[in-house]
């Protein structure tokens, strides 16, 4: 009988809920919900284990597997791009 109630022709609930006032989507969660990847938005794994992250390139270090926001490599030329050169006179 529970199966009849669960599958009574109702559409499957979406994991993303649109909030019109804020013009944004949020992830729907509940206690015991499977983990959601914040990179690909699929369930079953977290961002750190996402198979799609291998194709992402970091703009800071040019490495693969992470984005510049999460880059742990601080030894790059881009780090100093906002410093002004000293005057030669």
N, C-alpha and C. Protein backbone atom coordinates (compact mmCIF):
# COMPACT_ATOMS: atom_id res chain seq x y z
N UNK A 1 0.81 -1.20 0.00
CA UNK A 1 0.00 0.00 0.00
C UNK A 1 0.86 1.27 0.00
N UNK A 2 2.00 1.22 0.71
CA UNK A 2 2.89 2.38 0.71
C UNK A 2 3.39 2.68 -0.69
N UNK A 3 3.68 1.62 -1.47
CA UNK A 3 4.15 1.82 -2.83
C UNK A 3 3.11 2.53 -3.68
N UNK A 4 1.83 2.22 -3.44
CA UNK A 4 0.76 2.88 -4.17
C UNK A 4 0.72 4.38 -3.86
N UNK A 5 0.97 4.72 -2.62
CA UNK A 5 0.97 6.12 -2.21
C UNK A 5 2.20 6.83 -2.78
N UNK A 6 3.36 6.18 -2.70
CA UNK A 6 4.59 6.80 -3.17
C UNK A 6 4.59 7.02 -4.68
N UNK A 7 4.01 6.13 -5.43
CA UNK A 7 4.05 6.21 -6.89
C UNK A 7 2.66 6.44 -7.48
N UNK A 8 1.93 7.36 -6.92
CA UNK A 8 0.56 7.63 -7.36
C UNK A 8 0.53 8.57 -8.56
N UNK A 9 1.54 8.47 -9.43
CA UNK A 9 1.58 9.32 -10.61
C UNK A 9 2.08 10.73 -10.34
N UNK A 10 2.64 10.94 -9.16
CA UNK A 10 3.17 12.25 -8.83
C UNK A 10 4.58 12.40 -9.39
N UNK A 11 4.96 13.60 -9.83
CA UNK A 11 6.32 13.80 -10.34
C UNK A 11 7.34 13.71 -9.21
N UNK A 12 8.54 13.28 -9.56
CA UNK A 12 9.62 13.19 -8.58
C UNK A 12 10.01 14.60 -8.15
N UNK A 13 10.29 14.77 -6.88
CA UNK A 13 10.68 16.08 -6.37
C UNK A 13 12.06 16.44 -6.87
N UNK A 14 12.27 17.71 -7.12
CA UNK A 14 13.56 18.21 -7.59
C UNK A 14 14.47 18.46 -6.39
N UNK A 15 15.78 18.28 -6.59
CA UNK A 15 16.74 18.56 -5.53
C UNK A 15 17.01 20.05 -5.41
N UNK A 16 16.66 20.82 -6.43
CA UNK A 16 16.86 22.26 -6.42
C UNK A 16 15.50 22.95 -6.34
N UNK A 17 15.38 23.89 -5.43
CA UNK A 17 14.14 24.63 -5.24
C UNK A 17 14.40 26.08 -5.65
N UNK A 18 13.53 26.62 -6.49
CA UNK A 18 13.68 28.00 -6.95
C UNK A 18 12.96 28.94 -5.99
N UNK A 19 13.68 29.95 -5.49
CA UNK A 19 13.12 30.97 -4.61
C UNK A 19 12.95 32.23 -5.45
N UNK A 20 11.71 32.53 -5.83
CA UNK A 20 11.43 33.62 -6.76
C UNK A 20 11.84 34.98 -6.21
N UNK A 21 11.55 35.25 -4.93
CA UNK A 21 11.87 36.55 -4.34
C UNK A 21 13.36 36.85 -4.39
N UNK A 22 14.18 35.80 -4.25
CA UNK A 22 15.63 35.98 -4.24
C UNK A 22 16.25 35.66 -5.60
N UNK A 23 15.45 35.20 -6.56
CA UNK A 23 15.89 34.83 -7.90
C UNK A 23 17.09 33.88 -7.82
N UNK A 24 16.95 32.82 -7.04
CA UNK A 24 18.04 31.86 -6.87
C UNK A 24 17.48 30.47 -6.63
N UNK A 25 18.34 29.49 -6.79
CA UNK A 25 18.00 28.09 -6.50
C UNK A 25 18.75 27.65 -5.25
N UNK A 26 18.11 26.85 -4.43
CA UNK A 26 18.78 26.27 -3.26
C UNK A 26 18.61 24.76 -3.31
N UNK A 27 19.53 24.05 -2.67
CA UNK A 27 19.47 22.60 -2.64
C UNK A 27 18.51 22.15 -1.55
N UNK A 28 17.57 21.30 -1.90
CA UNK A 28 16.62 20.75 -0.93
C UNK A 28 17.31 19.61 -0.19
N UNK A 29 17.27 19.66 1.13
CA UNK A 29 17.87 18.60 1.93
C UNK A 29 16.87 18.10 2.96
N UNK A 30 17.14 16.93 3.45
CA UNK A 30 16.34 16.36 4.52
C UNK A 30 17.23 15.38 5.28
N UNK A 31 16.82 15.04 6.46
CA UNK A 31 17.61 14.15 7.28
C UNK A 31 17.72 12.79 6.59
N UNK A 32 18.94 12.32 6.41
CA UNK A 32 19.17 11.05 5.75
C UNK A 32 19.28 11.15 4.24
N UNK A 33 19.27 12.38 3.71
CA UNK A 33 19.37 12.58 2.26
C UNK A 33 20.76 12.18 1.77
N UNK A 34 20.86 11.64 0.55
CA UNK A 34 22.18 11.32 0.00
C UNK A 34 22.97 12.61 -0.22
N UNK A 35 24.29 12.50 -0.17
CA UNK A 35 25.14 13.67 -0.35
C UNK A 35 25.02 14.18 -1.77
N UNK A 36 25.10 15.49 -1.91
CA UNK A 36 25.01 16.14 -3.21
C UNK A 36 26.35 16.80 -3.51
N UNK A 37 26.82 16.64 -4.73
CA UNK A 37 28.05 17.28 -5.18
C UNK A 37 27.74 18.72 -5.54
N UNK A 38 28.47 19.67 -4.97
CA UNK A 38 28.22 21.08 -5.26
C UNK A 38 28.90 21.53 -6.54
N UNK A 39 29.60 20.62 -7.22
CA UNK A 39 30.20 20.95 -8.52
C UNK A 39 29.25 20.55 -9.65
N UNK A 40 28.84 19.28 -9.68
CA UNK A 40 28.00 18.79 -10.78
C UNK A 40 26.52 18.67 -10.41
N UNK A 41 26.19 18.85 -9.12
CA UNK A 41 24.82 18.79 -8.61
C UNK A 41 24.19 17.40 -8.67
N UNK A 42 25.01 16.36 -8.80
CA UNK A 42 24.50 14.99 -8.79
C UNK A 42 24.65 14.42 -7.39
N UNK A 43 23.83 13.43 -7.06
CA UNK A 43 23.91 12.82 -5.74
C UNK A 43 24.84 11.61 -5.77
N UNK A 44 25.27 11.22 -4.59
CA UNK A 44 26.09 10.02 -4.47
C UNK A 44 27.55 10.29 -4.20
N UNK A 45 28.00 11.54 -4.33
CA UNK A 45 29.39 11.88 -4.02
C UNK A 45 29.45 13.36 -3.64
N UNK A 46 30.60 13.75 -3.05
CA UNK A 46 30.82 15.15 -2.69
C UNK A 46 31.73 15.80 -3.72
N UNK A 47 31.87 17.13 -3.63
CA UNK A 47 32.68 17.87 -4.59
C UNK A 47 34.10 17.36 -4.65
N UNK A 48 34.70 17.07 -3.50
CA UNK A 48 36.09 16.62 -3.48
C UNK A 48 36.30 15.30 -4.21
N UNK A 49 35.24 14.50 -4.36
CA UNK A 49 35.33 13.21 -5.05
C UNK A 49 34.68 13.24 -6.43
N UNK A 50 34.33 14.41 -6.93
CA UNK A 50 33.60 14.52 -8.20
C UNK A 50 34.47 14.10 -9.38
N UNK A 51 33.99 13.16 -10.21
CA UNK A 51 34.77 12.75 -11.38
C UNK A 51 34.87 13.86 -12.42
N UNK A 52 33.97 14.83 -12.41
CA UNK A 52 34.01 15.93 -13.37
C UNK A 52 35.06 16.98 -13.01
N UNK A 53 35.56 16.97 -11.77
CA UNK A 53 36.55 17.95 -11.36
C UNK A 53 37.90 17.73 -12.05
N UNK A 54 38.16 16.55 -12.53
CA UNK A 54 39.43 16.27 -13.19
C UNK A 54 39.60 17.13 -14.44
N UNK A 55 38.53 17.58 -15.04
CA UNK A 55 38.58 18.36 -16.27
C UNK A 55 38.62 19.87 -16.02
N UNK A 56 38.49 20.30 -14.76
CA UNK A 56 38.46 21.71 -14.43
C UNK A 56 39.89 22.22 -14.25
N UNK A 57 40.20 23.39 -14.85
CA UNK A 57 41.54 23.95 -14.74
C UNK A 57 41.52 25.20 -13.87
N UNK A 58 42.50 25.31 -12.99
CA UNK A 58 42.65 26.45 -12.09
C UNK A 58 43.28 27.62 -12.85
N UNK A 59 42.70 28.81 -12.71
CA UNK A 59 43.25 30.00 -13.36
C UNK A 59 44.48 30.53 -12.64
N UNK A 60 44.68 30.16 -11.39
CA UNK A 60 45.81 30.65 -10.61
C UNK A 60 47.09 29.88 -10.92
N UNK A 61 47.05 28.56 -10.82
CA UNK A 61 48.27 27.76 -10.99
C UNK A 61 48.28 26.95 -12.29
N UNK A 62 47.19 27.01 -13.05
CA UNK A 62 47.02 26.26 -14.30
C UNK A 62 46.94 24.75 -14.09
N UNK A 63 46.81 24.31 -12.84
CA UNK A 63 46.67 22.89 -12.53
C UNK A 63 45.25 22.41 -12.77
N UNK A 64 45.06 21.12 -12.73
CA UNK A 64 43.74 20.52 -12.96
C UNK A 64 43.20 19.92 -11.67
N UNK A 65 41.88 19.85 -11.57
CA UNK A 65 41.24 19.19 -10.44
C UNK A 65 40.70 20.13 -9.38
N UNK A 66 40.89 21.45 -9.56
CA UNK A 66 40.37 22.42 -8.61
C UNK A 66 40.21 23.77 -9.31
N UNK A 67 39.52 24.71 -8.66
CA UNK A 67 39.37 26.06 -9.19
C UNK A 67 40.21 27.01 -8.36
N UNK A 68 40.42 28.22 -8.86
CA UNK A 68 41.32 29.16 -8.19
C UNK A 68 40.86 29.49 -6.77
N UNK A 69 39.56 29.49 -6.53
CA UNK A 69 39.04 29.76 -5.19
C UNK A 69 39.55 28.74 -4.17
N UNK A 70 39.76 27.50 -4.61
CA UNK A 70 40.22 26.44 -3.72
C UNK A 70 41.68 26.07 -3.95
N UNK A 71 42.43 26.93 -4.66
CA UNK A 71 43.83 26.64 -4.99
C UNK A 71 44.71 26.71 -3.75
N UNK A 72 45.51 25.68 -3.54
CA UNK A 72 46.44 25.64 -2.41
C UNK A 72 47.84 26.06 -2.84
N UNK A 73 48.07 26.23 -4.14
CA UNK A 73 49.36 26.63 -4.66
C UNK A 73 49.43 28.15 -4.70
N UNK A 74 50.13 28.76 -3.77
CA UNK A 74 50.20 30.22 -3.68
C UNK A 74 51.42 30.78 -4.40
N UNK A 75 52.28 29.95 -4.97
CA UNK A 75 53.50 30.39 -5.63
C UNK A 75 53.25 30.59 -7.12
N UNK A 76 52.59 31.68 -7.47
CA UNK A 76 52.31 31.95 -8.87
C UNK A 76 52.56 33.42 -9.17
N UNK A 77 52.78 33.73 -10.42
CA UNK A 77 53.01 35.11 -10.83
C UNK A 77 51.76 35.96 -10.66
N UNK A 78 50.60 35.37 -10.79
CA UNK A 78 49.34 36.11 -10.68
C UNK A 78 49.14 36.71 -9.30
N UNK A 79 49.80 36.16 -8.31
CA UNK A 79 49.63 36.64 -6.94
C UNK A 79 50.08 38.10 -6.81
N UNK A 80 51.05 38.50 -7.61
CA UNK A 80 51.62 39.83 -7.48
C UNK A 80 51.19 40.77 -8.61
N UNK A 81 50.17 40.47 -9.33
CA UNK A 81 49.77 41.27 -10.47
C UNK A 81 49.24 42.65 -10.10
N UNK A 82 48.86 42.86 -8.85
CA UNK A 82 48.31 44.15 -8.46
C UNK A 82 49.35 45.08 -7.85
N UNK A 83 50.57 44.61 -7.68
CA UNK A 83 51.64 45.46 -7.14
C UNK A 83 52.14 46.39 -8.24
N UNK A 84 52.39 47.63 -7.89
CA UNK A 84 52.89 48.59 -8.86
C UNK A 84 54.41 48.52 -8.91
N UNK A 85 55.00 48.64 -10.10
CA UNK A 85 56.46 48.62 -10.18
C UNK A 85 57.04 49.89 -9.56
N UNK A 86 58.23 49.76 -8.98
CA UNK A 86 58.90 50.91 -8.37
C UNK A 86 59.41 51.83 -9.47
N UNK A 87 59.41 53.11 -9.18
CA UNK A 87 59.90 54.09 -10.14
C UNK A 87 61.41 53.98 -10.26
N UNK A 88 61.94 54.14 -11.47
CA UNK A 88 63.37 54.04 -11.70
C UNK A 88 64.07 55.38 -11.53
N UNK A 89 63.35 56.47 -11.34
CA UNK A 89 63.98 57.79 -11.20
C UNK A 89 64.14 58.19 -9.77
